[in-house]
Amino acid sequence: MQTEIRVRGQISGNAKLCRAIQINNCEVRNINFNGYCLTFPTKKAAKKALWDAYNKLRSEEPEFAKGGISYGKYGILSYDASRAELIY
């Protein structure tokens, strides 16, 4: 079952989130207001990509990770004023 991750919010944060999510096995489309829609072949691949992006962002910016980066177990990754969420 295909799963989408939609990235919305601030322009620079959207680009940072999209770069952090491994997009080697997904289709990337631009959506309204400088957002992105990443389509993965399975839900498992999409969740793994979000988790890996969270760990990557935390390791790149350890001081910012205390309050500016958060991950929810239901597939929501927030970075500054941007948000990536799973759409089933």
PDB file of N, CA and C in Angstrom:
ATOM      1  N   MET A   1       0.824  -1.176   0.000  1.00  0.00           N
ATOM      2  CA  MET A   1       0.000   0.000   0.000  1.00  0.00           C
ATOM      3  C   MET A   1       0.875   1.248   0.000  1.00  0.00           C
ATOM      4  N   GLN A   2       0.675   2.120  -0.963  1.00  0.00           N
ATOM      5  CA  GLN A   2       1.473   3.332  -1.045  1.00  0.00           C
ATOM      6  C   GLN A   2       1.121   4.280   0.090  1.00  0.00           C
ATOM      7  N   THR A   3       2.148   4.955   0.585  1.00  0.00           N
ATOM      8  CA  THR A   3       1.988   5.903   1.682  1.00  0.00           C
ATOM      9  C   THR A   3       2.669   7.200   1.318  1.00  0.00           C
ATOM     10  N   GLU A   4       2.057   8.311   1.674  1.00  0.00           N
ATOM     11  CA  GLU A   4       2.621   9.625   1.388  1.00  0.00           C
ATOM     12  C   GLU A   4       3.111  10.285   2.665  1.00  0.00           C
ATOM     13  N   ILE A   5       4.164  11.055   2.512  1.00  0.00           N
ATOM     14  CA  ILE A   5       4.614  11.956   3.563  1.00  0.00           C
ATOM     15  C   ILE A   5       4.468  13.354   2.999  1.00  0.00           C
ATOM     16  N   ARG A   6       3.686  14.189   3.669  1.00  0.00           N
ATOM     17  CA  ARG A   6       3.506  15.570   3.228  1.00  0.00           C
ATOM     18  C   ARG A   6       4.300  16.486   4.127  1.00  0.00           C
ATOM     19  N   VAL A   7       5.103  17.339   3.504  1.00  0.00           N
ATOM     20  CA  VAL A   7       5.944  18.286   4.224  1.00  0.00           C
ATOM     21  C   VAL A   7       5.375  19.678   3.980  1.00  0.00           C
ATOM     22  N   ARG A   8       5.015  20.359   5.059  1.00  0.00           N
ATOM     23  CA  ARG A   8       4.421  21.691   4.965  1.00  0.00           C
ATOM     24  C   ARG A   8       4.996  22.584   6.045  1.00  0.00           C
ATOM     25  N   GLY A   9       4.913  23.885   5.803  1.00  0.00           N
ATOM     26  CA  GLY A   9       5.362  24.849   6.802  1.00  0.00           C
ATOM     27  C   GLY A   9       6.248  25.908   6.192  1.00  0.00           C
ATOM     28  N   GLN A  10       7.285  26.273   6.909  1.00  0.00           N
ATOM     29  CA  GLN A  10       8.228  27.307   6.495  1.00  0.00           C
ATOM     30  C   GLN A  10       9.103  26.802   5.347  1.00  0.00           C
ATOM     31  N   ILE A  11       9.445  27.690   4.430  1.00  0.00           N
ATOM     32  CA  ILE A  11      10.168  27.302   3.211  1.00  0.00           C
ATOM     33  C   ILE A  11      11.498  26.614   3.520  1.00  0.00           C
ATOM     34  N   SER A  12      12.327  27.234   4.352  1.00  0.00           N
ATOM     35  CA  SER A  12      13.651  26.651   4.614  1.00  0.00           C
ATOM     36  C   SER A  12      13.539  25.353   5.407  1.00  0.00           C
ATOM     37  N   GLY A  13      12.597  25.282   6.330  1.00  0.00           N
ATOM     38  CA  GLY A  13      12.394  24.055   7.097  1.00  0.00           C
ATOM     39  C   GLY A  13      11.884  22.920   6.230  1.00  0.00           C
ATOM     40  N   ASN A  14      11.021  23.250   5.260  1.00  0.00           N
ATOM     41  CA  ASN A  14      10.524  22.222   4.339  1.00  0.00           C
ATOM     42  C   ASN A  14      11.669  21.613   3.548  1.00  0.00           C
ATOM     43  N   ALA A  15      12.548  22.456   3.050  1.00  0.00           N
ATOM     44  CA  ALA A  15      13.688  21.959   2.270  1.00  0.00           C
ATOM     45  C   ALA A  15      14.611  21.104   3.139  1.00  0.00           C
ATOM     46  N   LYS A  16      14.831  21.532   4.381  1.00  0.00           N
ATOM     47  CA  LYS A  16      15.696  20.771   5.293  1.00  0.00           C
ATOM     48  C   LYS A  16      15.093  19.399   5.598  1.00  0.00           C
ATOM     49  N   LEU A  17      13.787  19.358   5.854  1.00  0.00           N
ATOM     50  CA  LEU A  17      13.130  18.078   6.114  1.00  0.00           C
ATOM     51  C   LEU A  17      13.172  17.161   4.896  1.00  0.00           C
ATOM     52  N   CYS A  18      12.936  17.735   3.730  1.00  0.00           N
ATOM     53  CA  CYS A  18      12.935  16.925   2.507  1.00  0.00           C
ATOM     54  C   CYS A  18      14.326  16.354   2.237  1.00  0.00           C
ATOM     55  N   ARG A  19      15.361  17.141   2.509  1.00  0.00           N
ATOM     56  CA  ARG A  19      16.734  16.633   2.323  1.00  0.00           C
ATOM     57  C   ARG A  19      17.072  15.558   3.347  1.00  0.00           C
ATOM     58  N   ALA A  20      16.539  15.684   4.558  1.00  0.00           N
ATOM     59  CA  ALA A  20      16.853  14.723   5.617  1.00  0.00           C
ATOM     60  C   ALA A  20      16.183  13.372   5.376  1.00  0.00           C
ATOM     61  N   ILE A  21      14.992  13.402   4.781  1.00  0.00           N
ATOM     62  CA  ILE A  21      14.284  12.153   4.494  1.00  0.00           C
ATOM     63  C   ILE A  21      14.949  11.500   3.288  1.00  0.00           C
ATOM     64  N   GLN A  22      15.314  10.254   3.433  1.00  0.00           N
ATOM     65  CA  GLN A  22      15.968   9.540   2.338  1.00  0.00           C
ATOM     66  C   GLN A  22      14.966   9.342   1.212  1.00  0.00           C
ATOM     67  N   ILE A  23      15.234   9.955   0.078  1.00  0.00           N
ATOM     68  CA  ILE A  23      14.262   9.924  -1.013  1.00  0.00           C
ATOM     69  C   ILE A  23      14.736   9.056  -2.176  1.00  0.00           C
ATOM     70  N   ASN A  24      15.548   8.039  -1.880  1.00  0.00           N
ATOM     71  CA  ASN A  24      16.067   7.208  -2.961  1.00  0.00           C
ATOM     72  C   ASN A  24      15.044   6.225  -3.508  1.00  0.00           C
ATOM     73  N   ASN A  25      14.027   5.872  -2.745  1.00  0.00           N
ATOM     74  CA  ASN A  25      13.037   4.917  -3.246  1.00  0.00           C
ATOM     75  C   ASN A  25      11.621   5.494  -3.233  1.00  0.00           C
ATOM     76  N   CYS A  26      11.514   6.798  -3.441  1.00  0.00           N
ATOM     77  CA  CYS A  26      10.193   7.403  -3.444  1.00  0.00           C
ATOM     78  C   CYS A  26      10.078   8.453  -4.543  1.00  0.00           C
ATOM     79  N   GLU A  27       8.850   8.838  -4.806  1.00  0.00           N
ATOM     80  CA  GLU A  27       8.561   9.866  -5.804  1.00  0.00           C
ATOM     81  C   GLU A  27       8.328  11.189  -5.075  1.00  0.00           C
ATOM     82  N   VAL A  28       8.965  12.266  -5.541  1.00  0.00           N
ATOM     83  CA  VAL A  28       8.851  13.576  -4.905  1.00  0.00           C
ATOM     84  C   VAL A  28       8.070  14.514  -5.826  1.00  0.00           C
ATOM     85  N   ARG A  29       7.044  15.161  -5.266  1.00  0.00           N
ATOM     86  CA  ARG A  29       6.275  16.162  -6.009  1.00  0.00           C
ATOM     87  C   ARG A  29       6.200  17.436  -5.179  1.00  0.00           C
ATOM     88  N   ASN A  30       6.163  18.571  -5.852  1.00  0.00           N
ATOM     89  CA  ASN A  30       5.925  19.841  -5.178  1.00  0.00           C
ATOM     90  C   ASN A  30       4.426  20.032  -5.018  1.00  0.00           C
ATOM     91  N   ILE A  31       4.015  20.571  -3.868  1.00  0.00           N
ATOM     92  CA  ILE A  31       2.612  20.897  -3.646  1.00  0.00           C
ATOM     93  C   ILE A  31       2.508  22.379  -3.305  1.00  0.00           C
ATOM     94  N   ASN A  32       1.306  22.842  -3.071  1.00  0.00           N
ATOM     95  CA  ASN A  32       1.072  24.267  -2.821  1.00  0.00           C
ATOM     96  C   ASN A  32       1.901  24.806  -1.661  1.00  0.00           C
ATOM     97  N   PHE A  33       2.228  26.090  -1.760  1.00  0.00           N
ATOM     98  CA  PHE A  33       2.914  26.834  -0.710  1.00  0.00           C
ATOM     99  C   PHE A  33       4.266  26.228  -0.338  1.00  0.00           C
ATOM    100  N   ASN A  34       5.043  25.878  -1.347  1.00  0.00           N
ATOM    101  CA  ASN A  34       6.410  25.371  -1.180  1.00  0.00           C
ATOM    102  C   ASN A  34       6.498  24.106  -0.330  1.00  0.00           C
ATOM    103  N   GLY A  35       5.507  23.260  -0.440  1.00  0.00           N
ATOM    104  CA  GLY A  35       5.512  21.989   0.273  1.00  0.00           C
ATOM    105  C   GLY A  35       5.948  20.864  -0.648  1.00  0.00           C
ATOM    106  N   TYR A  36       6.088  19.680  -0.072  1.00  0.00           N
ATOM    107  CA  TYR A  36       6.501  18.503  -0.820  1.00  0.00           C
ATOM    108  C   TYR A  36       5.596  17.335  -0.469  1.00  0.00           C
ATOM    109  N   CYS A  37       5.407  16.457  -1.424  1.00  0.00           N
ATOM    110  CA  CYS A  37       4.681  15.213  -1.208  1.00  0.00           C
ATOM    111  C   CYS A  37       5.609  14.078  -1.645  1.00  0.00           C
ATOM    112  N   LEU A  38       5.978  13.227  -0.704  1.00  0.00           N
ATOM    113  CA  LEU A  38       6.871  12.103  -0.965  1.00  0.00           C
ATOM    114  C   LEU A  38       6.041  10.824  -0.920  1.00  0.00           C
ATOM    115  N   THR A  39       6.026  10.067  -2.004  1.00  0.00           N
ATOM    116  CA  THR A  39       5.231   8.843  -2.082  1.00  0.00           C
ATOM    117  C   THR A  39       6.153   7.636  -1.996  1.00  0.00           C
ATOM    118  N   PHE A  40       5.927   6.808  -0.967  1.00  0.00           N
ATOM    119  CA  PHE A  40       6.725   5.606  -0.739  1.00  0.00           C
ATOM    120  C   PHE A  40       5.913   4.370  -1.115  1.00  0.00           C
ATOM    121  N   PRO A  41       6.568   3.282  -1.490  1.00  0.00           N
ATOM    122  CA  PRO A  41       5.839   2.073  -1.893  1.00  0.00           C
ATOM    123  C   PRO A  41       5.103   1.388  -0.734  1.00  0.00           C
ATOM    124  N   THR A  42       5.637   1.495   0.488  1.00  0.00           N
ATOM    125  CA  THR A  42       4.990   0.857   1.644  1.00  0.00           C
ATOM    126  C   THR A  42       4.982   1.802   2.836  1.00  0.00           C
ATOM    127  N   LYS A  43       4.098   1.503   3.780  1.00  0.00           N
ATOM    128  CA  LYS A  43       4.024   2.303   5.006  1.00  0.00           C
ATOM    129  C   LYS A  43       5.284   2.099   5.851  1.00  0.00           C
ATOM    130  N   LYS A  44       5.801   0.885   5.850  1.00  0.00           N
ATOM    131  CA  LYS A  44       7.004   0.578   6.623  1.00  0.00           C
ATOM    132  C   LYS A  44       8.197   1.404   6.132  1.00  0.00           C
ATOM    133  N   ALA A  45       8.348   1.536   4.810  1.00  0.00           N
ATOM    134  CA  ALA A  45       9.450   2.325   4.246  1.00  0.00           C
ATOM    135  C   ALA A  45       9.296   3.802   4.605  1.00  0.00           C
ATOM    136  N   ALA A  46       8.072   4.296   4.606  1.00  0.00           N
ATOM    137  CA  ALA A  46       7.833   5.706   4.936  1.00  0.00           C
ATOM    138  C   ALA A  46       8.146   5.984   6.404  1.00  0.00           C
ATOM    139  N   LYS A  47       7.712   5.093   7.296  1.00  0.00           N
ATOM    140  CA  LYS A  47       7.995   5.279   8.721  1.00  0.00           C
ATOM    141  C   LYS A  47       9.493   5.207   9.006  1.00  0.00           C
ATOM    142  N   LYS A  48      10.183   4.291   8.344  1.00  0.00           N
ATOM    143  CA  LYS A  48      11.632   4.175   8.530  1.00  0.00           C
ATOM    144  C   LYS A  48      12.339   5.426   8.037  1.00  0.00           C
ATOM    145  N   ALA A  49      11.883   5.985   6.915  1.00  0.00           N
ATOM    146  CA  ALA A  49      12.481   7.210   6.385  1.00  0.00           C
ATOM    147  C   ALA A  49      12.295   8.370   7.353  1.00  0.00           C
ATOM    148  N   LEU A  50      11.126   8.474   7.986  1.00  0.00           N
ATOM    149  CA  LEU A  50      10.891   9.533   8.971  1.00  0.00           C
ATOM    150  C   LEU A  50      11.779   9.355  10.195  1.00  0.00           C
ATOM    151  N   TRP A  51      11.891   8.137  10.694  1.00  0.00           N
ATOM    152  CA  TRP A  51      12.717   7.873  11.872  1.00  0.00           C
ATOM    153  C   TRP A  51      14.188   8.166  11.580  1.00  0.00           C
ATOM    154  N   ASP A  52      14.670   7.743  10.407  1.00  0.00           N
ATOM    155  CA  ASP A  52      16.051   8.011  10.030  1.00  0.00           C
ATOM    156  C   ASP A  52      16.300   9.516   9.878  1.00  0.00           C
ATOM    157  N   ALA A  53      15.318  10.237   9.344  1.00  0.00           N
ATOM    158  CA  ALA A  53      15.446  11.695   9.208  1.00  0.00           C
ATOM    159  C   ALA A  53      15.515  12.361  10.577  1.00  0.00           C
ATOM    160  N   TYR A  54      14.712  11.875  11.522  1.00  0.00           N
ATOM    161  CA  TYR A  54      14.742  12.413  12.883  1.00  0.00           C
ATOM    162  C   TYR A  54      16.120  12.235  13.513  1.00  0.00           C
ATOM    163  N   ASN A  55      16.673  11.041  13.402  1.00  0.00           N
ATOM    164  CA  ASN A  55      18.006  10.784  13.960  1.00  0.00           C
ATOM    165  C   ASN A  55      19.077  11.609  13.265  1.00  0.00           C
ATOM    166  N   LYS A  56      18.961  11.778  11.962  1.00  0.00           N
ATOM    167  CA  LYS A  56      19.931  12.571  11.211  1.00  0.00           C
ATOM    168  C   LYS A  56      19.889  14.036  11.641  1.00  0.00           C
ATOM    169  N   LEU A  57      18.688  14.597  11.782  1.00  0.00           N
ATOM    170  CA  LEU A  57      18.559  15.991  12.199  1.00  0.00           C
ATOM    171  C   LEU A  57      19.084  16.195  13.619  1.00  0.00           C
ATOM    172  N   ARG A  58      18.814  15.245  14.512  1.00  0.00           N
ATOM    173  CA  ARG A  58      19.306  15.360  15.884  1.00  0.00           C
ATOM    174  C   ARG A  58      20.822  15.311  15.950  1.00  0.00           C
ATOM    175  N   SER A  59      21.444  14.491  15.108  1.00  0.00           N
ATOM    176  CA  SER A  59      22.900  14.400  15.141  1.00  0.00           C
ATOM    177  C   SER A  59      23.566  15.616  14.504  1.00  0.00           C
ATOM    178  N   GLU A  60      22.914  16.220  13.512  1.00  0.00           N
ATOM    179  CA  GLU A  60      23.482  17.402  12.863  1.00  0.00           C
ATOM    180  C   GLU A  60      23.394  18.646  13.744  1.00  0.00           C
ATOM    181  N   GLU A  61      22.322  18.766  14.514  1.00  0.00           N
ATOM    182  CA  GLU A  61      22.098  19.954  15.324  1.00  0.00           C
ATOM    183  C   GLU A  61      21.713  19.556  16.749  1.00  0.00           C
ATOM    184  N   PRO A  62      22.675  19.138  17.571  1.00  0.00           N
ATOM    185  CA  PRO A  62      22.344  18.641  18.911  1.00  0.00           C
ATOM    186  C   PRO A  62      21.737  19.703  19.830  1.00  0.00           C
ATOM    187  N   GLU A  63      22.143  20.949  19.726  1.00  0.00           N
ATOM    188  CA  GLU A  63      21.582  21.991  20.584  1.00  0.00           C
ATOM    189  C   GLU A  63      20.146  22.322  20.193  1.00  0.00           C
ATOM    190  N   PHE A  64      19.855  22.318  18.898  1.00  0.00           N
ATOM    191  CA  PHE A  64      18.521  22.627  18.409  1.00  0.00           C
ATOM    192  C   PHE A  64      17.562  21.480  18.689  1.00  0.00           C
ATOM    193  N   ALA A  65      18.113  20.277  18.860  1.00  0.00           N
ATOM    194  CA  ALA A  65      17.281  19.089  19.048  1.00  0.00           C
ATOM    195  C   ALA A  65      16.520  19.116  20.368  1.00  0.00           C
ATOM    196  N   LYS A  66      16.956  19.922  21.330  1.00  0.00           N
ATOM    197  CA  LYS A  66      16.295  19.949  22.638  1.00  0.00           C
ATOM    198  C   LYS A  66      14.865  20.460  22.556  1.00  0.00           C
ATOM    199  N   GLY A  67      14.577  21.369  21.647  1.00  0.00           N
ATOM    200  CA  GLY A  67      13.229  21.897  21.576  1.00  0.00           C
ATOM    201  C   GLY A  67      12.708  22.117  20.178  1.00  0.00           C
ATOM    202  N   GLY A  68      13.566  22.080  19.186  1.00  0.00           N
ATOM    203  CA  GLY A  68      13.148  22.413  17.834  1.00  0.00           C
ATOM    204  C   GLY A  68      12.850  21.238  16.942  1.00  0.00           C
ATOM    205  N   ILE A  69      13.186  20.028  17.383  1.00  0.00           N
ATOM    206  CA  ILE A  69      12.948  18.826  16.579  1.00  0.00           C
ATOM    207  C   ILE A  69      12.138  17.850  17.432  1.00  0.00           C
ATOM    208  N   SER A  70      11.039  17.358  16.876  1.00  0.00           N
ATOM    209  CA  SER A  70      10.251  16.371  17.621  1.00  0.00           C
ATOM    210  C   SER A  70       9.716  15.312  16.663  1.00  0.00           C
ATOM    211  N   TYR A  71       9.484  14.126  17.239  1.00  0.00           N
ATOM    212  CA  TYR A  71       8.972  13.003  16.465  1.00  0.00           C
ATOM    213  C   TYR A  71       7.823  12.377  17.231  1.00  0.00           C
ATOM    214  N   GLY A  72       6.724  12.151  16.541  1.00  0.00           N
ATOM    215  CA  GLY A  72       5.572  11.488  17.150  1.00  0.00           C
ATOM    216  C   GLY A  72       5.463  10.069  16.640  1.00  0.00           C
ATOM    217  N   LYS A  73       5.027   9.168  17.490  1.00  0.00           N
ATOM    218  CA  LYS A  73       5.001   7.753  17.107  1.00  0.00           C
ATOM    219  C   LYS A  73       3.988   7.443  16.012  1.00  0.00           C
ATOM    220  N   TYR A  74       3.078   8.359  15.721  1.00  0.00           N
ATOM    221  CA  TYR A  74       2.103   8.141  14.666  1.00  0.00           C
ATOM    222  C   TYR A  74       2.539   8.724  13.330  1.00  0.00           C
ATOM    223  N   GLY A  75       3.812   9.059  13.211  1.00  0.00           N
ATOM    224  CA  GLY A  75       4.344   9.488  11.927  1.00  0.00           C
ATOM    225  C   GLY A  75       4.327  10.985  11.699  1.00  0.00           C
ATOM    226  N   ILE A  76       4.705  11.753  12.716  1.00  0.00           N
ATOM    227  CA  ILE A  76       4.798  13.207  12.567  1.00  0.00           C
ATOM    228  C   ILE A  76       6.196  13.635  12.992  1.00  0.00           C
ATOM    229  N   LEU A  77       6.889  14.316  12.108  1.00  0.00           N
ATOM    230  CA  LEU A  77       8.214  14.842  12.381  1.00  0.00           C
ATOM    231  C   LEU A  77       8.159  16.352  12.231  1.00  0.00           C
ATOM    232  N   SER A  78       8.539  17.070  13.287  1.00  0.00           N
ATOM    233  CA  SER A  78       8.522  18.533  13.250  1.00  0.00           C
ATOM    234  C   SER A  78       9.938  19.059  13.354  1.00  0.00           C
ATOM    235  N   TYR A  79      10.219  20.061  12.537  1.00  0.00           N
ATOM    236  CA  TYR A  79      11.508  20.735  12.569  1.00  0.00           C
ATOM    237  C   TYR A  79      11.227  22.233  12.457  1.00  0.00           C
ATOM    238  N   ASP A  80      11.529  22.986  13.494  1.00  0.00           N
ATOM    239  CA  ASP A  80      11.292  24.420  13.540  1.00  0.00           C
ATOM    240  C   ASP A  80       9.810  24.682  13.253  1.00  0.00           C
ATOM    241  N   ALA A  81       9.474  25.367  12.173  1.00  0.00           N
ATOM    242  CA  ALA A  81       8.073  25.658  11.850  1.00  0.00           C
ATOM    243  C   ALA A  81       7.552  24.774  10.727  1.00  0.00           C
ATOM    244  N   SER A  82       8.227  23.687  10.434  1.00  0.00           N
ATOM    245  CA  SER A  82       7.810  22.770   9.372  1.00  0.00           C
ATOM    246  C   SER A  82       7.412  21.430   9.975  1.00  0.00           C
ATOM    247  N   ARG A  83       6.586  20.735   9.216  1.00  0.00           N
ATOM    248  CA  ARG A  83       6.052  19.471   9.722  1.00  0.00           C
ATOM    249  C   ARG A  83       5.929  18.466   8.578  1.00  0.00           C
ATOM    250  N   ALA A  84       6.398  17.245   8.823  1.00  0.00           N
ATOM    251  CA  ALA A  84       6.249  16.135   7.867  1.00  0.00           C
ATOM    252  C   ALA A  84       5.336  15.119   8.529  1.00  0.00           C
ATOM    253  N   GLU A  85       4.278  14.712   7.831  1.00  0.00           N
ATOM    254  CA  GLU A  85       3.360  13.753   8.426  1.00  0.00           C
ATOM    255  C   GLU A  85       2.948  12.684   7.423  1.00  0.00           C
ATOM    256  N   LEU A  86       2.723  11.488   7.952  1.00  0.00           N
ATOM    257  CA  LEU A  86       2.284  10.362   7.140  1.00  0.00           C
ATOM    258  C   LEU A  86       0.813  10.511   6.788  1.00  0.00           C
ATOM    259  N   ILE A  87       0.505  10.232   5.528  1.00  0.00           N
ATOM    260  CA  ILE A  87      -0.881  10.213   5.062  1.00  0.00           C
ATOM    261  C   ILE A  87      -1.115   8.813   4.506  1.00  0.00           C
ATOM    262  N   TYR A  88      -2.018   8.065   5.125  1.00  0.00           N
ATOM    263  CA  TYR A  88      -2.273   6.686   4.705  1.00  0.00           C
ATOM    264  C   TYR A  88      -3.237   6.644   3.561  1.00  0.00           C
TER     265      TYR A  88
END
